[in-house]
Amino acid sequence: MSEIENPIFLAVDLGAESGRVVAGTFDGARIGLEEVHRFPNGPVNVLGHLHWDVLRLWSDIKAGLAKAAQRYGRHIAGIGLDTWGVDFGLLDANDELLGNPYHYRDSRTDGMMERAFEKVPREAIFEATGIQFMQLNTLFQLVAMVEAHSPQLEMAHTLLMMPDLFNFWLTGCKANEFSDATTSQCYDPRAGTWAYGMLESLGIPTHIFRSEDGDRIVPPGTILGTLLPSVMEETGLGAVPVIAPATHDTGSAVAAVPMDPENAIYLSSGTWSLMGVESKVPIINAEMLAYNLTNEGGVNGTFRLLKNIMGLWLVQECRREWQRAGESHSYDELVAMAADAPAFGPLIYPGHTRFLPPGDMMPRIQAFCRETGQAVPATKGAVLRCALESLALEYRWVAEKLDALTGKRLGTIHIIGGGSRNELLDQFAADATGRTVVTGPIEATALGNVLVQAIALGHIGSIAEGREVVARSFELKTFAPRDTAAWDAAYQRYLGIRDW
């Protein structure tokens, strides 16, 4: 155990709209969080391509660590960093970054799934990786680089997923953490290593995944090393250990869900909705492929059997669109608009690829409704209600598939993350699925990050113990299903829309 009294664990969480440095406290019974530094995090458009603003983010991370050093000093016991999956940086032979890492919403992956299937069948890719097919996956980003004869790929010596790139800059340790590596669709969960045969068949250079020490894949809770001297000098911190939590943000969030993993569904609600169950082994079979579900890595060697759902991105993009037009609305105002709109109007399939890019979300939702022969939602409230009801019905579709795969009725859905504050959607989820919904904690990603650090340094004994700490530390709210008959009728209509 760390000898620091009243330890502070710093969680660096890079989310879809903003990044934060959050301080986690643990008094032996309860855990608390305090935001130290917040900064914007969005893609940068350069010559029509979307990139990470990577150097500015690096500066903000160090600024947040410096603020924490001033506030907490010697009580800082560890640092952990998480962000979303699939994106990566490439290093040359001198460990220097090759160009600006691309953002997963960039259009370069358009058509790349089909191009990959010409070389390796869809079924073979799934058999090798167990990962759902989305054009934004690392695999298809790399295929796009192969197809473009990218000089960066030709020069690359090392691939690091984005949280691992920042951890390299913090510590000098080059390693890819398990939970994030699995999101790439380049990892073989059965073999426990990169899917080298498949990568070679797609023309992707495999040496970028290897090092002198092997595959460079480390489990959550690995102590990567202490801060580099240059980082210590800039931030005012000492030789603080940097721990790889579940560096994929959903992996960290799921670690903090106060649930019985044998009988519950988790739903990490934010820009994306990540909905699934915790499994001791990957499930790779025809049903998983047909449902396009995925096996992403979790803590303690578990797998997150889940579905990626477009989530509140639909609402966020509508809000940004209206802001650009000079009409600003708080999220509470948006929820109120949706609540006042008529129920069970037109529906959309949130996972349609037309909703993936940023911009013009309201016209795209309206166009989908028009093209599917439905009434076109004319008001902001009607568009928002359409998006939220459609999300809830997609939750039902996924919950039914999880029941089928696990062979049991999973009666409780735990909704975590910032989206859990949307109580209208929480109630919709209970009503649409006919299951009890429990919400909280809101700050699940930062909490899971802190929990894994505390376990790695000996302050908490296990994930199960950590989940009990979370349940003691934060208020949870329960939503019981109601008016399920109306939702049953809407679901039958949704199934037709989903298959359109």
Protein backbone atom coordinates (compact mmCIF):
# COMPACT_ATOMS: atom_id res chain seq x y z
CA MET A 1 0.00 0.00 0.00
CA SER A 2 1.09 3.55 -0.72
CA GLU A 3 2.36 5.22 2.45
CA ILE A 4 0.71 8.56 1.63
CA GLU A 5 -1.93 9.55 4.17
CA ASN A 6 -5.27 10.80 2.83
CA PRO A 7 -4.21 9.97 -0.72
CA ILE A 8 -5.39 11.91 -3.74
CA PHE A 9 -5.70 10.11 -7.09
CA LEU A 10 -5.76 12.30 -10.17
CA ALA A 11 -7.98 11.14 -13.03
CA VAL A 12 -7.31 12.74 -16.40
CA ASP A 13 -10.52 12.13 -18.37
CA LEU A 14 -10.67 13.24 -22.02
CA GLY A 15 -14.33 13.22 -23.04
CA ALA A 16 -16.07 14.00 -26.30
CA GLU A 17 -16.85 17.63 -25.41
CA SER A 18 -14.28 18.44 -22.75
CA GLY A 19 -11.29 17.13 -20.88
CA ARG A 20 -10.83 17.30 -17.14
CA VAL A 21 -8.36 16.68 -14.39
CA VAL A 22 -10.34 15.34 -11.42
CA ALA A 23 -9.05 14.66 -7.91
CA GLY A 24 -10.36 11.53 -6.21
CA THR A 25 -10.26 11.25 -2.43
CA PHE A 26 -10.64 8.07 -0.39
CA ASP A 27 -11.02 8.02 3.40
CA GLY A 28 -11.19 4.25 3.72
CA ALA A 29 -14.98 4.11 3.43
CA ARG A 30 -16.14 6.64 0.86
CA ILE A 31 -14.78 8.17 -2.27
CA GLY A 32 -15.20 11.76 -3.43
CA LEU A 33 -14.39 13.73 -6.57
CA GLU A 34 -13.34 17.33 -7.10
CA GLU A 35 -12.77 18.92 -10.50
CA VAL A 36 -9.40 20.64 -10.70
CA HIS A 37 -9.22 21.75 -14.33
CA ARG A 38 -11.56 21.61 -17.33
CA PHE A 39 -10.71 22.33 -20.94
CA PRO A 40 -12.37 21.92 -24.36
CA ASN A 41 -11.83 18.76 -26.39
CA GLY A 42 -13.18 18.70 -29.91
CA PRO A 43 -11.83 17.78 -33.33
CA VAL A 44 -9.93 20.31 -35.44
CA ASN A 45 -10.73 20.57 -39.15
CA VAL A 46 -7.61 20.93 -41.30
CA LEU A 47 -8.07 20.89 -45.08
CA GLY A 48 -11.30 18.95 -44.73
CA HIS A 49 -10.00 16.32 -42.31
CA LEU A 50 -10.74 16.00 -38.59
CA HIS A 51 -7.80 15.66 -36.18
CA TRP A 52 -7.07 15.58 -32.47
CA ASP A 53 -5.82 18.91 -31.07
CA VAL A 54 -3.14 16.79 -29.48
CA LEU A 55 -0.46 19.31 -28.43
CA ARG A 56 -3.00 21.73 -26.97
CA LEU A 57 -4.54 18.85 -25.01
CA TRP A 58 -1.08 17.86 -23.79
CA SER A 59 -0.55 21.43 -22.56
CA ASP A 60 -3.92 21.40 -20.79
CA ILE A 61 -3.17 18.05 -19.13
CA LYS A 62 0.05 19.48 -17.71
CA ALA A 63 -1.75 22.68 -16.65
CA GLY A 64 -4.29 20.56 -14.76
CA LEU A 65 -1.56 18.55 -13.08
CA ALA A 66 0.17 21.80 -12.07
CA LYS A 67 -3.05 23.09 -10.48
CA ALA A 68 -3.41 19.80 -8.62
CA ALA A 69 0.19 20.03 -7.39
CA GLN A 70 -0.50 23.46 -5.95
CA ARG A 71 -3.72 22.32 -4.30
CA TYR A 72 -2.80 18.86 -2.98
CA GLY A 73 0.99 18.66 -3.00
CA ARG A 74 2.43 15.58 -1.32
CA HIS A 75 -1.00 13.92 -0.96
CA ILE A 76 -1.07 13.03 -4.66
CA ALA A 77 -0.57 9.26 -4.80
CA GLY A 78 -1.22 8.44 -8.45
CA ILE A 79 -2.27 9.64 -11.89
CA GLY A 80 -4.46 7.80 -14.41
CA LEU A 81 -5.63 8.84 -17.87
CA ASP A 82 -8.58 7.66 -19.97
CA THR A 83 -10.35 8.64 -23.18
CA TRP A 84 -12.42 7.06 -25.93
CA GLY A 85 -11.20 4.12 -27.98
CA VAL A 86 -10.16 3.46 -31.60
CA ASP A 87 -8.01 6.56 -32.23
CA PHE A 88 -4.22 6.33 -32.24
CA GLY A 89 -0.91 8.07 -32.87
CA LEU A 90 2.08 6.81 -34.84
CA LEU A 91 5.68 7.29 -33.73
CA ASP A 92 8.77 7.16 -35.92
CA ALA A 93 12.00 5.34 -35.06
CA ASN A 94 13.00 8.28 -32.82
CA ASP A 95 9.68 8.11 -30.91
CA GLU A 96 8.48 11.37 -32.43
CA LEU A 97 4.82 11.76 -33.38
CA LEU A 98 4.11 11.47 -37.09
CA GLY A 99 1.53 14.11 -37.93
CA ASN A 100 -1.69 14.99 -36.15
CA PRO A 101 -3.69 11.93 -35.05
CA TYR A 102 -6.99 11.62 -36.88
CA HIS A 103 -10.34 11.87 -35.13
CA TYR A 104 -12.64 8.88 -35.55
CA ARG A 105 -15.38 11.01 -37.13
CA ASP A 106 -13.12 11.86 -40.08
CA SER A 107 -14.50 10.81 -43.45
CA ARG A 108 -11.37 8.96 -44.59
CA THR A 109 -12.93 5.68 -43.46
CA ASP A 110 -15.91 6.02 -45.80
CA GLY A 111 -16.09 2.80 -47.83
CA MET A 112 -13.15 1.20 -46.01
CA MET A 113 -15.17 -1.60 -44.43
CA GLU A 114 -16.23 -2.78 -47.88
CA ARG A 115 -12.65 -2.43 -49.13
CA ALA A 116 -11.40 -4.56 -46.23
CA PHE A 117 -14.04 -7.24 -46.89
CA GLU A 118 -12.65 -7.64 -50.42
CA LYS A 119 -9.44 -8.93 -48.83
CA VAL A 120 -10.69 -10.58 -45.63
CA PRO A 121 -14.35 -11.67 -45.26
CA ARG A 122 -16.43 -9.96 -42.62
CA GLU A 123 -16.92 -13.28 -40.83
CA ALA A 124 -13.15 -13.89 -40.66
CA ILE A 125 -12.49 -10.45 -39.18
CA PHE A 126 -15.12 -11.02 -36.51
CA GLU A 127 -13.81 -14.53 -35.77
CA ALA A 128 -10.34 -13.06 -35.25
CA THR A 129 -11.35 -10.09 -33.11
CA GLY A 130 -14.90 -10.44 -31.74
CA ILE A 131 -15.44 -6.69 -32.29
CA GLN A 132 -18.50 -5.04 -33.79
CA PHE A 133 -18.20 -3.41 -37.20
CA MET A 134 -18.05 0.36 -37.26
CA GLN A 135 -16.19 2.26 -39.94
CA LEU A 136 -14.51 4.38 -37.26
CA ASN A 137 -12.61 1.40 -35.79
CA THR A 138 -8.81 1.53 -35.75
CA LEU A 139 -8.72 -1.34 -38.23
CA PHE A 140 -10.53 0.63 -40.90
CA GLN A 141 -8.55 3.77 -40.15
CA LEU A 142 -5.43 1.74 -40.88
CA VAL A 143 -6.99 0.25 -44.02
CA ALA A 144 -7.65 3.82 -45.18
CA MET A 145 -3.96 4.61 -44.70
CA VAL A 146 -2.95 1.49 -46.63
CA GLU A 147 -5.29 2.40 -49.49
CA ALA A 148 -3.92 5.97 -49.57
CA HIS A 149 -0.29 4.74 -49.48
CA SER A 150 0.19 6.97 -46.47
CA PRO A 151 3.80 8.10 -45.97
CA GLN A 152 3.08 8.22 -42.22
CA LEU A 153 2.27 4.52 -42.19
CA GLU A 154 5.40 3.73 -44.18
CA MET A 155 7.53 5.69 -41.68
CA ALA A 156 5.77 4.41 -38.56
CA HIS A 157 7.71 2.42 -36.02
CA THR A 158 5.16 2.28 -33.17
CA LEU A 159 1.37 2.51 -32.85
CA LEU A 160 0.03 3.80 -29.55
CA MET A 161 -3.66 4.20 -28.83
CA MET A 162 -4.40 7.79 -27.76
CA PRO A 163 -4.39 7.30 -23.97
CA ASP A 164 -1.19 5.30 -24.35
CA LEU A 165 0.39 8.13 -26.35
CA PHE A 166 -0.27 10.59 -23.54
CA ASN A 167 1.00 8.06 -20.99
CA PHE A 168 4.19 7.72 -23.04
CA TRP A 169 4.66 11.47 -22.90
CA LEU A 170 4.05 11.37 -19.14
CA THR A 171 6.37 8.47 -18.30
CA GLY A 172 8.46 7.40 -21.30
CA CYS A 173 6.77 3.97 -21.19
CA LYS A 174 5.46 2.69 -24.53
CA ALA A 175 2.63 0.24 -23.87
CA ASN A 176 -0.94 -0.29 -25.06
CA GLU A 177 -3.41 -0.93 -22.28
CA PHE A 178 -5.74 -3.92 -22.72
CA SER A 179 -9.18 -2.26 -22.56
CA ASP A 180 -8.34 0.34 -25.20
CA ALA A 181 -6.37 -2.06 -27.40
CA THR A 182 -9.42 -4.30 -27.72
CA THR A 183 -11.52 -1.47 -29.21
CA SER A 184 -9.19 -1.33 -32.21
CA GLN A 185 -10.54 -4.47 -33.95
CA CYS A 186 -6.87 -5.39 -34.32
CA TYR A 187 -6.71 -7.56 -31.16
CA ASP A 188 -7.39 -11.30 -30.87
CA PRO A 189 -9.11 -11.84 -27.47
CA ARG A 190 -8.69 -15.61 -27.61
CA ALA A 191 -4.95 -15.49 -28.26
CA GLY A 192 -4.44 -12.47 -26.00
CA THR A 193 -2.34 -10.70 -28.60
CA TRP A 194 -2.69 -8.66 -31.78
CA ALA A 195 -4.44 -10.40 -34.69
CA TYR A 196 -1.27 -10.53 -36.77
CA GLY A 197 -2.51 -12.88 -39.49
CA MET A 198 -5.56 -10.78 -40.24
CA LEU A 199 -3.52 -7.55 -40.17
CA GLU A 200 -1.02 -8.97 -42.64
CA SER A 201 -3.83 -10.06 -44.98
CA LEU A 202 -5.07 -6.46 -45.03
CA GLY A 203 -1.62 -5.11 -45.85
CA ILE A 204 -1.21 -3.42 -42.46
CA PRO A 205 2.42 -3.41 -41.26
CA THR A 206 2.49 -5.52 -38.10
CA HIS A 207 5.83 -4.27 -36.80
CA ILE A 208 4.08 -1.14 -35.48
CA PHE A 209 2.36 -3.36 -32.88
CA ARG A 210 5.55 -5.11 -31.72
CA SER A 211 8.55 -4.11 -29.64
CA GLU A 212 11.65 -5.76 -28.25
CA ASP A 213 9.54 -6.67 -25.21
CA GLY A 214 6.75 -8.35 -27.18
CA ASP A 215 3.26 -7.05 -27.89
CA ARG A 216 3.30 -4.17 -25.36
CA ILE A 217 -0.23 -4.94 -24.07
CA VAL A 218 -0.64 -4.35 -20.33
CA PRO A 219 -3.68 -4.96 -18.09
CA PRO A 220 -5.64 -2.23 -16.27
CA GLY A 221 -3.93 -1.39 -13.00
CA THR A 222 -0.41 -1.55 -14.42
CA ILE A 223 1.97 0.98 -12.88
CA LEU A 224 3.68 2.36 -15.98
CA GLY A 225 6.34 4.32 -14.12
CA THR A 226 6.76 7.73 -12.54
CA LEU A 227 6.51 11.11 -14.21
CA LEU A 228 9.42 12.07 -16.42
CA PRO A 229 11.75 14.74 -15.01
CA SER A 230 10.61 17.26 -17.62
CA VAL A 231 6.96 16.76 -16.61
CA MET A 232 7.83 17.02 -12.93
CA GLU A 233 9.60 20.30 -13.59
CA GLU A 234 6.69 21.78 -15.57
CA THR A 235 3.96 20.68 -13.16
CA GLY A 236 5.67 20.96 -9.80
CA LEU A 237 4.86 17.34 -9.01
CA GLY A 238 7.29 14.82 -7.63
CA ALA A 239 7.94 11.28 -8.84
CA VAL A 240 4.24 10.38 -8.83
CA PRO A 241 3.39 6.95 -10.28
CA VAL A 242 1.25 6.86 -13.41
CA ILE A 243 -1.18 3.95 -13.46
CA ALA A 244 -2.98 2.71 -16.55
CA PRO A 245 -6.61 2.40 -15.39
CA ALA A 246 -8.99 0.96 -17.91
CA THR A 247 -7.76 3.66 -20.30
CA HIS A 248 -10.84 3.24 -22.49
CA ASP A 249 -13.32 5.54 -20.77
CA THR A 250 -16.18 3.03 -20.88
CA GLY A 251 -13.91 0.41 -19.31
CA SER A 252 -13.30 2.79 -16.42
CA ALA A 253 -16.99 3.69 -16.19
CA VAL A 254 -18.09 0.05 -16.02
CA ALA A 255 -15.55 -0.61 -13.27
CA ALA A 256 -17.47 1.88 -11.12
CA VAL A 257 -21.00 0.54 -11.72
CA PRO A 258 -22.47 -0.51 -8.34
CA MET A 259 -24.04 -3.65 -9.79
CA ASP A 260 -24.28 -7.39 -9.47
CA PRO A 261 -22.46 -8.29 -12.71
CA GLU A 262 -24.28 -11.62 -12.95
CA ASN A 263 -27.76 -10.10 -13.21
CA ALA A 264 -27.54 -6.58 -14.56
CA ILE A 265 -27.05 -4.56 -17.73
CA TYR A 266 -24.91 -1.43 -17.65
CA LEU A 267 -25.52 1.56 -19.85
CA SER A 268 -22.87 4.27 -19.98
CA SER A 269 -24.85 7.24 -21.24
CA GLY A 270 -23.20 10.22 -22.90
CA THR A 271 -22.28 11.18 -26.45
CA TRP A 272 -22.37 7.44 -27.04
CA SER A 273 -24.53 4.96 -25.18
CA LEU A 274 -22.49 1.84 -24.39
CA MET A 275 -24.86 -0.90 -23.29
CA GLY A 276 -23.88 -4.40 -22.24
CA VAL A 277 -22.92 -6.95 -19.62
CA GLU A 278 -19.70 -7.98 -17.97
CA SER A 279 -18.44 -11.39 -19.12
CA LYS A 280 -15.57 -13.55 -17.91
CA VAL A 281 -14.81 -14.67 -21.47
CA PRO A 282 -15.32 -13.22 -24.94
CA ILE A 283 -18.38 -14.50 -26.79
CA ILE A 284 -17.64 -14.92 -30.48
CA ASN A 285 -20.42 -16.67 -32.39
CA ALA A 286 -22.90 -16.21 -35.23
CA GLU A 287 -25.44 -14.45 -33.01
CA MET A 288 -22.91 -11.85 -31.88
CA LEU A 289 -21.95 -11.22 -35.49
CA ALA A 290 -25.58 -10.95 -36.58
CA TYR A 291 -26.41 -8.52 -33.76
CA ASN A 292 -23.14 -6.60 -34.37
CA LEU A 293 -22.26 -6.70 -30.68
CA THR A 294 -18.72 -6.49 -29.42
CA ASN A 295 -16.22 -7.90 -26.91
CA GLU A 296 -14.20 -5.05 -25.41
CA GLY A 297 -11.73 -5.48 -22.60
CA GLY A 298 -12.56 -4.70 -18.98
CA VAL A 299 -10.91 -4.86 -15.58
CA ASN A 300 -9.61 -8.09 -14.05
CA GLY A 301 -9.43 -9.75 -17.46
CA THR A 302 -13.18 -9.46 -18.03
CA PHE A 303 -14.85 -8.52 -21.29
CA ARG A 304 -17.54 -5.93 -21.87
CA LEU A 305 -20.05 -7.65 -24.12
CA LEU A 306 -21.81 -4.58 -25.45
CA LYS A 307 -23.33 -2.52 -28.22
CA ASN A 308 -22.23 0.99 -29.21
CA ILE A 309 -25.29 3.19 -29.72
CA MET A 310 -25.07 6.71 -31.14
CA GLY A 311 -26.42 8.15 -27.88
CA LEU A 312 -26.90 11.79 -26.93
CA TRP A 313 -24.73 12.86 -29.85
CA LEU A 314 -28.05 13.35 -31.65
CA VAL A 315 -29.18 15.90 -29.04
CA GLN A 316 -25.75 17.51 -28.68
CA GLU A 317 -25.46 18.15 -32.40
CA CYS A 318 -28.96 19.65 -32.57
CA ARG A 319 -27.99 21.96 -29.71
CA ARG A 320 -24.79 23.02 -31.45
CA GLU A 321 -26.69 23.61 -34.69
CA TRP A 322 -29.17 25.89 -32.91
CA GLN A 323 -26.35 27.69 -31.09
CA ARG A 324 -24.71 28.48 -34.42
CA ALA A 325 -28.02 30.00 -35.47
CA GLY A 326 -27.98 32.21 -32.35
CA GLU A 327 -30.50 30.15 -30.39
CA SER A 328 -28.89 28.88 -27.21
CA HIS A 329 -30.62 26.31 -25.00
CA SER A 330 -29.48 24.58 -21.82
CA TYR A 331 -29.78 20.80 -21.67
CA ASP A 332 -32.59 21.22 -19.12
CA GLU A 333 -34.46 23.35 -21.64
CA LEU A 334 -33.97 20.71 -24.33
CA VAL A 335 -35.37 18.01 -22.04
CA ALA A 336 -38.37 20.20 -21.25
CA MET A 337 -39.01 20.75 -24.99
CA ALA A 338 -38.94 16.98 -25.58
CA ALA A 339 -41.23 16.31 -22.61
CA ASP A 340 -43.82 18.77 -23.94
CA ALA A 341 -43.82 17.30 -27.47
CA PRO A 342 -46.42 14.67 -28.48
CA ALA A 343 -45.50 11.10 -27.58
CA PHE A 344 -44.86 8.27 -30.07
CA GLY A 345 -44.40 10.32 -33.20
CA PRO A 346 -41.84 9.52 -35.92
CA LEU A 347 -38.84 7.36 -35.11
CA ILE A 348 -35.28 7.03 -36.40
CA TYR A 349 -32.61 4.35 -36.19
CA PRO A 350 -29.88 6.10 -34.14
CA GLY A 351 -27.18 3.83 -35.55
CA HIS A 352 -27.65 4.89 -39.17
CA THR A 353 -24.37 6.11 -40.65
CA ARG A 354 -25.96 9.38 -41.77
CA PHE A 355 -26.02 10.50 -38.12
CA LEU A 356 -22.30 9.92 -37.52
CA PRO A 357 -20.79 13.16 -38.93
CA PRO A 358 -21.16 16.48 -37.10
CA GLY A 359 -23.44 19.26 -38.28
CA ASP A 360 -27.00 19.65 -39.62
CA MET A 361 -28.47 17.02 -37.30
CA MET A 362 -32.04 18.31 -37.29
CA PRO A 363 -32.33 18.28 -41.12
CA ARG A 364 -30.86 14.79 -41.24
CA ILE A 365 -33.36 13.50 -38.66
CA GLN A 366 -36.17 15.13 -40.64
CA ALA A 367 -34.90 13.62 -43.90
CA PHE A 368 -34.77 10.13 -42.38
CA CYS A 369 -38.38 10.46 -41.22
CA ARG A 370 -39.47 11.73 -44.64
CA GLU A 371 -37.68 8.95 -46.52
CA THR A 372 -39.22 6.27 -44.29
CA GLY A 373 -42.75 7.53 -44.95
CA GLN A 374 -43.31 9.07 -41.52
CA ALA A 375 -44.54 12.47 -40.46
CA VAL A 376 -41.66 14.94 -40.41
CA PRO A 377 -41.02 16.46 -36.96
CA ALA A 378 -41.33 20.21 -37.49
CA THR A 379 -40.41 21.66 -34.09
CA LYS A 380 -37.31 21.41 -31.94
CA GLY A 381 -39.26 19.56 -29.27
CA ALA A 382 -40.59 17.02 -31.77
CA VAL A 383 -37.10 16.36 -33.14
CA LEU A 384 -35.72 15.88 -29.63
CA ARG A 385 -38.60 13.61 -28.61
CA CYS A 386 -38.04 11.56 -31.77
CA ALA A 387 -34.35 11.15 -30.89
CA LEU A 388 -34.94 10.22 -27.24
CA GLU A 389 -37.79 7.77 -27.86
CA SER A 390 -35.76 6.13 -30.64
CA LEU A 391 -32.80 5.76 -28.28
CA ALA A 392 -34.98 4.13 -25.63
CA LEU A 393 -36.36 1.68 -28.19
CA GLU A 394 -32.83 0.84 -29.33
CA TYR A 395 -32.03 0.13 -25.66
CA ARG A 396 -34.86 -2.41 -25.69
CA TRP A 397 -33.50 -4.06 -28.83
CA VAL A 398 -30.05 -4.40 -27.27
CA ALA A 399 -31.43 -5.62 -23.91
CA GLU A 400 -33.35 -8.40 -25.66
CA LYS A 401 -30.22 -9.50 -27.50
CA LEU A 402 -28.23 -9.52 -24.25
CA ASP A 403 -30.94 -11.71 -22.67
CA ALA A 404 -30.64 -14.13 -25.58
CA LEU A 405 -26.85 -14.27 -25.43
CA THR A 406 -26.67 -14.76 -21.65
CA GLY A 407 -29.66 -17.09 -21.47
CA LYS A 408 -31.43 -15.15 -18.72
CA ARG A 409 -33.69 -12.17 -18.16
CA LEU A 410 -31.53 -9.29 -16.96
CA GLY A 411 -34.03 -7.30 -14.93
CA THR A 412 -32.04 -4.20 -13.99
CA ILE A 413 -30.32 -1.59 -16.13
CA HIS A 414 -27.72 0.60 -14.41
CA ILE A 415 -27.36 3.91 -16.23
CA ILE A 416 -24.18 5.79 -15.45
CA GLY A 417 -22.40 8.84 -16.82
CA GLY A 418 -23.51 12.36 -17.63
CA GLY A 419 -26.48 11.17 -19.66
CA SER A 420 -28.02 9.65 -16.53
CA ARG A 421 -29.01 13.20 -15.53
CA ASN A 422 -31.56 13.15 -18.36
CA GLU A 423 -34.42 11.78 -16.28
CA LEU A 424 -36.81 11.85 -19.21
CA LEU A 425 -34.58 9.41 -21.11
CA ASP A 426 -34.08 7.36 -17.92
CA GLN A 427 -37.85 6.91 -17.59
CA PHE A 428 -38.17 6.21 -21.31
CA ALA A 429 -35.55 3.47 -20.90
CA ALA A 430 -37.50 1.85 -18.06
CA ASP A 431 -40.79 2.12 -19.96
CA ALA A 432 -39.44 0.89 -23.30
CA THR A 433 -37.57 -2.09 -21.86
CA GLY A 434 -39.99 -3.02 -19.07
CA ARG A 435 -37.04 -3.18 -16.67
CA THR A 436 -36.01 -1.35 -13.51
CA VAL A 437 -33.55 1.43 -14.21
CA VAL A 438 -31.06 2.54 -11.55
CA THR A 439 -29.11 5.71 -12.27
CA GLY A 440 -25.80 6.87 -10.86
CA PRO A 441 -23.09 7.62 -10.36
CA ILE A 442 -22.87 10.46 -12.87
CA GLU A 443 -19.07 10.67 -12.77
CA ALA A 444 -18.55 6.97 -13.38
CA THR A 445 -15.56 7.27 -15.70
CA ALA A 446 -13.49 9.36 -13.31
CA LEU A 447 -14.61 7.13 -10.43
CA GLY A 448 -13.54 3.95 -12.18
CA ASN A 449 -10.22 5.55 -13.08
CA VAL A 450 -9.66 6.42 -9.41
CA LEU A 451 -10.81 2.98 -8.20
CA VAL A 452 -8.32 1.14 -10.40
CA GLN A 453 -5.53 3.42 -9.20
CA ALA A 454 -6.52 2.82 -5.57
CA ILE A 455 -6.55 -0.93 -6.14
CA ALA A 456 -3.18 -0.86 -7.91
CA LEU A 457 -1.65 1.02 -4.98
CA GLY A 458 -3.26 -1.22 -2.34
CA HIS A 459 -5.88 1.13 -0.86
CA ILE A 460 -8.88 -0.94 -2.04
CA GLY A 461 -8.84 -4.71 -2.20
CA SER A 462 -10.85 -5.49 -5.36
CA ILE A 463 -13.30 -4.20 -7.94
CA ALA A 464 -16.17 -5.77 -5.97
CA GLU A 465 -15.05 -3.87 -2.87
CA GLY A 466 -14.67 -0.72 -4.94
CA ARG A 467 -18.23 -1.01 -6.26
CA GLU A 468 -19.47 -1.25 -2.67
CA VAL A 469 -17.55 1.95 -1.91
CA VAL A 470 -19.27 3.66 -4.84
CA ALA A 471 -22.73 2.55 -3.66
CA ARG A 472 -21.98 4.05 -0.21
CA SER A 473 -20.60 7.27 -1.63
CA PHE A 474 -23.20 8.42 -4.14
CA GLU A 475 -26.97 8.72 -4.33
CA LEU A 476 -28.65 6.29 -6.72
CA LYS A 477 -32.12 6.82 -8.20
CA THR A 478 -34.60 4.15 -9.33
CA PHE A 479 -37.11 4.34 -12.21
CA ALA A 480 -39.82 1.70 -12.42
CA PRO A 481 -41.41 0.86 -15.80
CA ARG A 482 -44.87 2.23 -16.56
CA ASP A 483 -47.24 2.43 -19.56
CA THR A 484 -45.39 -0.43 -21.21
CA ALA A 485 -48.25 -1.30 -23.59
CA ALA A 486 -47.84 1.95 -25.54
CA TRP A 487 -44.12 1.32 -25.77
CA ASP A 488 -44.74 -2.24 -26.99
CA ALA A 489 -46.70 -0.83 -29.92
CA ALA A 490 -44.00 1.74 -30.64
CA TYR A 491 -41.37 -0.99 -30.57
CA GLN A 492 -43.06 -2.98 -33.32
CA ARG A 493 -43.03 0.14 -35.46
CA TYR A 494 -39.38 0.78 -34.52
CA LEU A 495 -38.32 -2.67 -35.71
CA GLY A 496 -39.54 -1.80 -39.19
CA ILE A 497 -37.67 1.53 -39.09
CA ARG A 498 -34.52 -0.16 -37.81
CA ASP A 499 -34.47 -2.57 -40.75
CA TRP A 500 -35.03 0.17 -43.32
